[in-house]
Amino acid sequence: LSYGGDTFPLPLPEPPVEVKGKPYIVIHDGWDNAFELDCNRPTKAIPFEFWVALVTALKETYPGYSVVQIGGKKGEDVPNVDINFRGKIGFAKAISVLKGAALHIDSESGLVHFASALGVRSVVLFGPTNINWFGYGNNINIPPASCGNCWWSTKDWMDRCPAGYGVPVCTAHSVERVISDLSEAIR
């Protein structure tokens, strides 16, 4: 098979009217629904407080853009987003929202792969997963400030930090850095 690049044409429904023709940034606080976890948030989840602070910073820095949250059952509703579709629309409709985004901000998740297939640039906050393996060249791939790349180093790496931290230090990202790094990515 020949490699044709990261993009792939996907048949999608029309996006919801709330986002049609409007500039917006998509965020996603979520993770794989198939993983059976003992904890509330897996080790690869970015701390919820980060998402709250990021939404505030996005709205202050980019007032012309709405902040839209998508996702399924896993994750939490981030306060102060302009539109929250998390758990309210089906997967195909969520992907159609993603397709119209100026930018997607997420941890390393399946939605990052869909964004790449749609030609939508992402800011990806890496933690325990390998940035060299999962990072797309078109994205802004932000490595962890410390630790990281411990995925599958233990059987329960998604439940418990292999280094023993209650909250994995590899998921502690700077809102200021993300705002700085994404300035060149808004399309």
C-alpha atoms as a PDB file:
ATOM      1  CA  LEU A   1       0.000   0.000   0.000  1.00  0.00           C
ATOM      2  CA  SER A   2       1.260   3.430  -0.793  1.00  0.00           C
ATOM      3  CA  TYR A   3       1.050   6.135   1.832  1.00  0.00           C
ATOM      4  CA  GLY A   4      -1.038   9.086   0.696  1.00  0.00           C
ATOM      5  CA  GLY A   5      -0.470  11.361   3.687  1.00  0.00           C
ATOM      6  CA  ASP A   6      -2.338  11.952   6.920  1.00  0.00           C
ATOM      7  CA  THR A   7      -5.577  13.258   5.421  1.00  0.00           C
ATOM      8  CA  PHE A   8      -8.426  10.971   4.485  1.00  0.00           C
ATOM      9  CA  PRO A   9     -11.832  11.893   3.051  1.00  0.00           C
ATOM     10  CA  LEU A  10     -14.549  11.059   5.557  1.00  0.00           C
ATOM     11  CA  PRO A  11     -18.270  11.283   4.753  1.00  0.00           C
ATOM     12  CA  LEU A  12     -19.775  13.381   7.555  1.00  0.00           C
ATOM     13  CA  PRO A  13     -23.166  14.826   8.410  1.00  0.00           C
ATOM     14  CA  GLU A  14     -23.706  18.570   8.462  1.00  0.00           C
ATOM     15  CA  PRO A  15     -22.333  20.209  11.620  1.00  0.00           C
ATOM     16  CA  PRO A  16     -24.803  21.556  14.180  1.00  0.00           C
ATOM     17  CA  VAL A  17     -26.213  24.999  13.353  1.00  0.00           C
ATOM     18  CA  GLU A  18     -24.566  26.437  16.479  1.00  0.00           C
ATOM     19  CA  VAL A  19     -21.125  26.257  14.825  1.00  0.00           C
ATOM     20  CA  LYS A  20     -21.902  26.623  11.114  1.00  0.00           C
ATOM     21  CA  GLY A  21     -19.967  29.481   9.572  1.00  0.00           C
ATOM     22  CA  LYS A  22     -18.459  30.635  12.869  1.00  0.00           C
ATOM     23  CA  PRO A  23     -14.797  30.660  13.944  1.00  0.00           C
ATOM     24  CA  TYR A  24     -14.179  28.295  16.844  1.00  0.00           C
ATOM     25  CA  ILE A  25     -11.571  26.279  18.700  1.00  0.00           C
ATOM     26  CA  VAL A  26     -12.407  22.751  19.827  1.00  0.00           C
ATOM     27  CA  ILE A  27     -11.237  21.313  23.145  1.00  0.00           C
ATOM     28  CA  HIS A  28     -11.551  17.731  24.355  1.00  0.00           C
ATOM     29  CA  ASP A  29     -11.213  16.440  27.901  1.00  0.00           C
ATOM     30  CA  GLY A  30     -11.728  12.738  27.432  1.00  0.00           C
ATOM     31  CA  TRP A  31     -10.206   9.342  26.826  1.00  0.00           C
ATOM     32  CA  ASP A  32     -10.829   5.874  25.454  1.00  0.00           C
ATOM     33  CA  ASN A  33     -14.231   4.547  26.523  1.00  0.00           C
ATOM     34  CA  ALA A  34     -13.011   0.947  26.156  1.00  0.00           C
ATOM     35  CA  PHE A  35     -10.397   1.165  28.940  1.00  0.00           C
ATOM     36  CA  GLU A  36     -11.591  -0.347  32.230  1.00  0.00           C
ATOM     37  CA  LEU A  37     -10.212   1.944  34.926  1.00  0.00           C
ATOM     38  CA  ASP A  38     -10.206   1.896  38.710  1.00  0.00           C
ATOM     39  CA  CYS A  39      -9.483   5.639  38.894  1.00  0.00           C
ATOM     40  CA  ASN A  40     -11.614   8.665  37.936  1.00  0.00           C
ATOM     41  CA  ARG A  41      -9.089  10.139  35.482  1.00  0.00           C
ATOM     42  CA  PRO A  42      -6.455   8.042  33.722  1.00  0.00           C
ATOM     43  CA  THR A  43      -2.773   8.946  33.855  1.00  0.00           C
ATOM     44  CA  LYS A  44      -2.893  10.377  30.329  1.00  0.00           C
ATOM     45  CA  ALA A  45      -5.720  12.816  31.156  1.00  0.00           C
ATOM     46  CA  ILE A  46      -4.657  16.439  31.473  1.00  0.00           C
ATOM     47  CA  PRO A  47      -5.683  17.780  34.911  1.00  0.00           C
ATOM     48  CA  PHE A  48      -9.159  19.310  34.868  1.00  0.00           C
ATOM     49  CA  GLU A  49      -7.880  22.570  36.389  1.00  0.00           C
ATOM     50  CA  PHE A  50      -5.719  23.055  33.298  1.00  0.00           C
ATOM     51  CA  TRP A  51      -8.778  22.931  31.022  1.00  0.00           C
ATOM     52  CA  VAL A  52     -10.618  25.484  33.160  1.00  0.00           C
ATOM     53  CA  ALA A  53      -7.649  27.883  33.043  1.00  0.00           C
ATOM     54  CA  LEU A  54      -7.105  27.270  29.321  1.00  0.00           C
ATOM     55  CA  VAL A  55     -10.701  28.155  28.423  1.00  0.00           C
ATOM     56  CA  THR A  56     -10.359  31.440  30.342  1.00  0.00           C
ATOM     57  CA  ALA A  57      -7.078  32.238  28.562  1.00  0.00           C
ATOM     58  CA  LEU A  58      -8.476  31.320  25.120  1.00  0.00           C
ATOM     59  CA  LYS A  59     -11.474  33.592  25.590  1.00  0.00           C
ATOM     60  CA  GLU A  60      -9.256  36.483  26.708  1.00  0.00           C
ATOM     61  CA  THR A  61      -6.659  35.990  23.958  1.00  0.00           C
ATOM     62  CA  TYR A  62      -8.985  35.088  21.064  1.00  0.00           C
ATOM     63  CA  PRO A  63     -12.305  36.860  21.692  1.00  0.00           C
ATOM     64  CA  GLY A  64     -13.333  36.372  18.050  1.00  0.00           C
ATOM     65  CA  TYR A  65     -13.377  32.598  18.474  1.00  0.00           C
ATOM     66  CA  SER A  66     -15.887  30.482  20.348  1.00  0.00           C
ATOM     67  CA  VAL A  67     -14.592  27.643  22.498  1.00  0.00           C
ATOM     68  CA  VAL A  68     -16.442  24.404  21.751  1.00  0.00           C
ATOM     69  CA  GLN A  69     -16.134  21.202  23.781  1.00  0.00           C
ATOM     70  CA  ILE A  70     -16.723  17.786  22.213  1.00  0.00           C
ATOM     71  CA  GLY A  71     -16.358  14.280  23.579  1.00  0.00           C
ATOM     72  CA  GLY A  72     -18.188  11.252  24.849  1.00  0.00           C
ATOM     73  CA  LYS A  73     -18.979   9.821  28.256  1.00  0.00           C
ATOM     74  CA  LYS A  74     -15.433  10.039  29.611  1.00  0.00           C
ATOM     75  CA  GLY A  75     -14.122  13.374  30.859  1.00  0.00           C
ATOM     76  CA  GLU A  76     -15.817  16.369  32.426  1.00  0.00           C
ATOM     77  CA  ASP A  77     -17.769  19.406  31.308  1.00  0.00           C
ATOM     78  CA  VAL A  78     -15.378  22.357  31.263  1.00  0.00           C
ATOM     79  CA  PRO A  79     -17.039  25.496  32.631  1.00  0.00           C
ATOM     80  CA  ASN A  80     -17.336  28.665  30.533  1.00  0.00           C
ATOM     81  CA  VAL A  81     -17.017  27.009  27.122  1.00  0.00           C
ATOM     82  CA  ASP A  82     -19.285  28.757  24.634  1.00  0.00           C
ATOM     83  CA  ILE A  83     -20.832  25.540  23.331  1.00  0.00           C
ATOM     84  CA  ASN A  84     -20.669  22.154  25.054  1.00  0.00           C
ATOM     85  CA  PHE A  85     -21.474  19.167  22.843  1.00  0.00           C
ATOM     86  CA  ARG A  86     -19.793  16.602  25.164  1.00  0.00           C
ATOM     87  CA  GLY A  87     -22.153  13.637  25.433  1.00  0.00           C
ATOM     88  CA  LYS A  88     -24.908  15.543  23.606  1.00  0.00           C
ATOM     89  CA  ILE A  89     -24.247  14.657  19.959  1.00  0.00           C
ATOM     90  CA  GLY A  90     -23.206  11.433  18.272  1.00  0.00           C
ATOM     91  CA  PHE A  91     -19.687  10.596  17.161  1.00  0.00           C
ATOM     92  CA  ALA A  92     -20.132  11.449  13.467  1.00  0.00           C
ATOM     93  CA  LYS A  93     -21.698  14.810  14.354  1.00  0.00           C
ATOM     94  CA  ALA A  94     -18.806  15.509  16.769  1.00  0.00           C
ATOM     95  CA  ILE A  95     -16.333  14.772  13.976  1.00  0.00           C
ATOM     96  CA  SER A  96     -18.235  17.211  11.726  1.00  0.00           C
ATOM     97  CA  VAL A  97     -17.764  19.837  14.480  1.00  0.00           C
ATOM     98  CA  LEU A  98     -14.078  18.994  14.557  1.00  0.00           C
ATOM     99  CA  LYS A  99     -13.839  19.372  10.767  1.00  0.00           C
ATOM    100  CA  GLY A 100     -14.977  23.011  10.943  1.00  0.00           C
ATOM    101  CA  ALA A 101     -12.618  24.010  13.768  1.00  0.00           C
ATOM    102  CA  ALA A 102      -9.860  26.557  13.381  1.00  0.00           C
ATOM    103  CA  LEU A 103      -7.856  24.455  15.844  1.00  0.00           C
ATOM    104  CA  HIS A 104      -8.239  21.422  18.095  1.00  0.00           C
ATOM    105  CA  ILE A 105      -6.656  21.223  21.574  1.00  0.00           C
ATOM    106  CA  ASP A 106      -6.418  17.831  23.255  1.00  0.00           C
ATOM    107  CA  SER A 107      -4.254  15.309  25.021  1.00  0.00           C
ATOM    108  CA  GLU A 108      -3.091  12.480  22.780  1.00  0.00           C
ATOM    109  CA  SER A 109      -6.440  10.902  21.904  1.00  0.00           C
ATOM    110  CA  GLY A 110      -8.369   9.382  19.039  1.00  0.00           C
ATOM    111  CA  LEU A 111      -9.843  12.768  18.160  1.00  0.00           C
ATOM    112  CA  VAL A 112      -6.330  14.011  17.335  1.00  0.00           C
ATOM    113  CA  HIS A 113      -6.088  11.253  14.711  1.00  0.00           C
ATOM    114  CA  PHE A 114      -9.451  12.235  13.247  1.00  0.00           C
ATOM    115  CA  ALA A 115      -8.440  15.911  13.213  1.00  0.00           C
ATOM    116  CA  SER A 116      -5.317  14.998  11.258  1.00  0.00           C
ATOM    117  CA  ALA A 117      -7.358  12.937   8.791  1.00  0.00           C
ATOM    118  CA  LEU A 118      -9.601  15.996   8.286  1.00  0.00           C
ATOM    119  CA  GLY A 119      -6.669  18.373   7.827  1.00  0.00           C
ATOM    120  CA  VAL A 120      -7.412  20.201  11.097  1.00  0.00           C
ATOM    121  CA  ARG A 121      -4.352  21.216  13.063  1.00  0.00           C
ATOM    122  CA  SER A 122      -4.155  20.204  16.726  1.00  0.00           C
ATOM    123  CA  VAL A 123      -2.244  21.337  19.761  1.00  0.00           C
ATOM    124  CA  VAL A 124      -1.496  18.022  21.459  1.00  0.00           C
ATOM    125  CA  LEU A 125      -0.533  17.888  25.135  1.00  0.00           C
ATOM    126  CA  PHE A 126       1.566  14.783  25.639  1.00  0.00           C
ATOM    127  CA  GLY A 127       2.028  12.939  28.928  1.00  0.00           C
ATOM    128  CA  PRO A 128       2.754   9.220  29.246  1.00  0.00           C
ATOM    129  CA  THR A 129       2.317   8.411  25.547  1.00  0.00           C
ATOM    130  CA  ASN A 130       5.219   8.684  23.139  1.00  0.00           C
ATOM    131  CA  ILE A 131       5.376  12.012  21.286  1.00  0.00           C
ATOM    132  CA  ASN A 132       7.629  10.557  18.562  1.00  0.00           C
ATOM    133  CA  TRP A 133       5.190   7.734  17.855  1.00  0.00           C
ATOM    134  CA  PHE A 134       1.881   9.627  18.114  1.00  0.00           C
ATOM    135  CA  GLY A 135       2.875  13.162  17.071  1.00  0.00           C
ATOM    136  CA  TYR A 136       1.791  14.319  13.613  1.00  0.00           C
ATOM    137  CA  GLY A 137       4.161  16.677  11.807  1.00  0.00           C
ATOM    138  CA  ASN A 138       1.458  19.269  11.119  1.00  0.00           C
ATOM    139  CA  ASN A 139       0.424  19.497  14.775  1.00  0.00           C
ATOM    140  CA  ILE A 140       1.918  21.468  17.615  1.00  0.00           C
ATOM    141  CA  ASN A 141       3.068  18.574  19.775  1.00  0.00           C
ATOM    142  CA  ILE A 142       3.889  19.755  23.284  1.00  0.00           C
ATOM    143  CA  PRO A 143       6.082  17.330  25.231  1.00  0.00           C
ATOM    144  CA  PRO A 144       5.788  16.899  28.982  1.00  0.00           C
ATOM    145  CA  ALA A 145       8.018  19.242  31.001  1.00  0.00           C
ATOM    146  CA  SER A 146       9.309  16.223  32.908  1.00  0.00           C
ATOM    147  CA  CYS A 147       8.929  12.462  32.950  1.00  0.00           C
ATOM    148  CA  GLY A 148       6.622  10.986  30.287  1.00  0.00           C
ATOM    149  CA  ASN A 149       6.859   8.199  27.708  1.00  0.00           C
ATOM    150  CA  CYS A 150       5.944   5.514  30.228  1.00  0.00           C
ATOM    151  CA  TRP A 151       2.904   4.122  28.401  1.00  0.00           C
ATOM    152  CA  TRP A 152       2.656   0.355  28.716  1.00  0.00           C
ATOM    153  CA  SER A 153       5.685   0.250  31.032  1.00  0.00           C
ATOM    154  CA  THR A 154       3.346  -1.387  33.567  1.00  0.00           C
ATOM    155  CA  LYS A 155       0.051  -3.250  33.094  1.00  0.00           C
ATOM    156  CA  ASP A 156      -1.855  -0.568  35.014  1.00  0.00           C
ATOM    157  CA  TRP A 157      -0.139   2.526  33.568  1.00  0.00           C
ATOM    158  CA  MET A 158      -3.524   4.120  32.744  1.00  0.00           C
ATOM    159  CA  ASP A 159      -4.667   3.743  36.383  1.00  0.00           C
ATOM    160  CA  ARG A 160      -1.462   4.503  38.274  1.00  0.00           C
ATOM    161  CA  CYS A 161       1.525   6.593  37.381  1.00  0.00           C
ATOM    162  CA  PRO A 162       4.471   4.190  36.924  1.00  0.00           C
ATOM    163  CA  ALA A 163       6.719   6.761  38.664  1.00  0.00           C
ATOM    164  CA  GLY A 164       4.418   6.800  41.707  1.00  0.00           C
ATOM    165  CA  TYR A 165       2.948  10.312  41.422  1.00  0.00           C
ATOM    166  CA  GLY A 166      -0.681  10.770  42.524  1.00  0.00           C
ATOM    167  CA  VAL A 167      -1.159  13.141  39.591  1.00  0.00           C
ATOM    168  CA  PRO A 168       1.406  12.338  36.898  1.00  0.00           C
ATOM    169  CA  VAL A 169       3.878  15.207  36.536  1.00  0.00           C
ATOM    170  CA  CYS A 170       4.033  14.533  32.806  1.00  0.00           C
ATOM    171  CA  THR A 171       0.507  15.956  32.411  1.00  0.00           C
ATOM    172  CA  ALA A 172       1.337  19.298  34.077  1.00  0.00           C
ATOM    173  CA  HIS A 173       1.294  21.666  31.111  1.00  0.00           C
ATOM    174  CA  SER A 174       1.536  25.445  31.119  1.00  0.00           C
ATOM    175  CA  VAL A 175      -1.482  27.388  29.884  1.00  0.00           C
ATOM    176  CA  GLU A 176       0.855  30.250  28.966  1.00  0.00           C
ATOM    177  CA  ARG A 177       2.975  27.961  26.795  1.00  0.00           C
ATOM    178  CA  VAL A 178      -0.063  26.557  25.030  1.00  0.00           C
ATOM    179  CA  ILE A 179      -1.410  30.060  24.301  1.00  0.00           C
ATOM    180  CA  SER A 180       2.022  31.108  23.014  1.00  0.00           C
ATOM    181  CA  ASP A 181       2.479  27.976  20.894  1.00  0.00           C
ATOM    182  CA  LEU A 182      -0.968  28.053  19.318  1.00  0.00           C
ATOM    183  CA  SER A 183      -0.755  31.666  18.137  1.00  0.00           C
ATOM    184  CA  GLU A 184       0.839  30.544  14.876  1.00  0.00           C
ATOM    185  CA  ALA A 185      -1.639  27.678  14.457  1.00  0.00           C
ATOM    186  CA  ILE A 186      -4.949  29.536  14.322  1.00  0.00           C
ATOM    187  CA  ARG A 187      -6.084  29.284  10.726  1.00  0.00           C
END
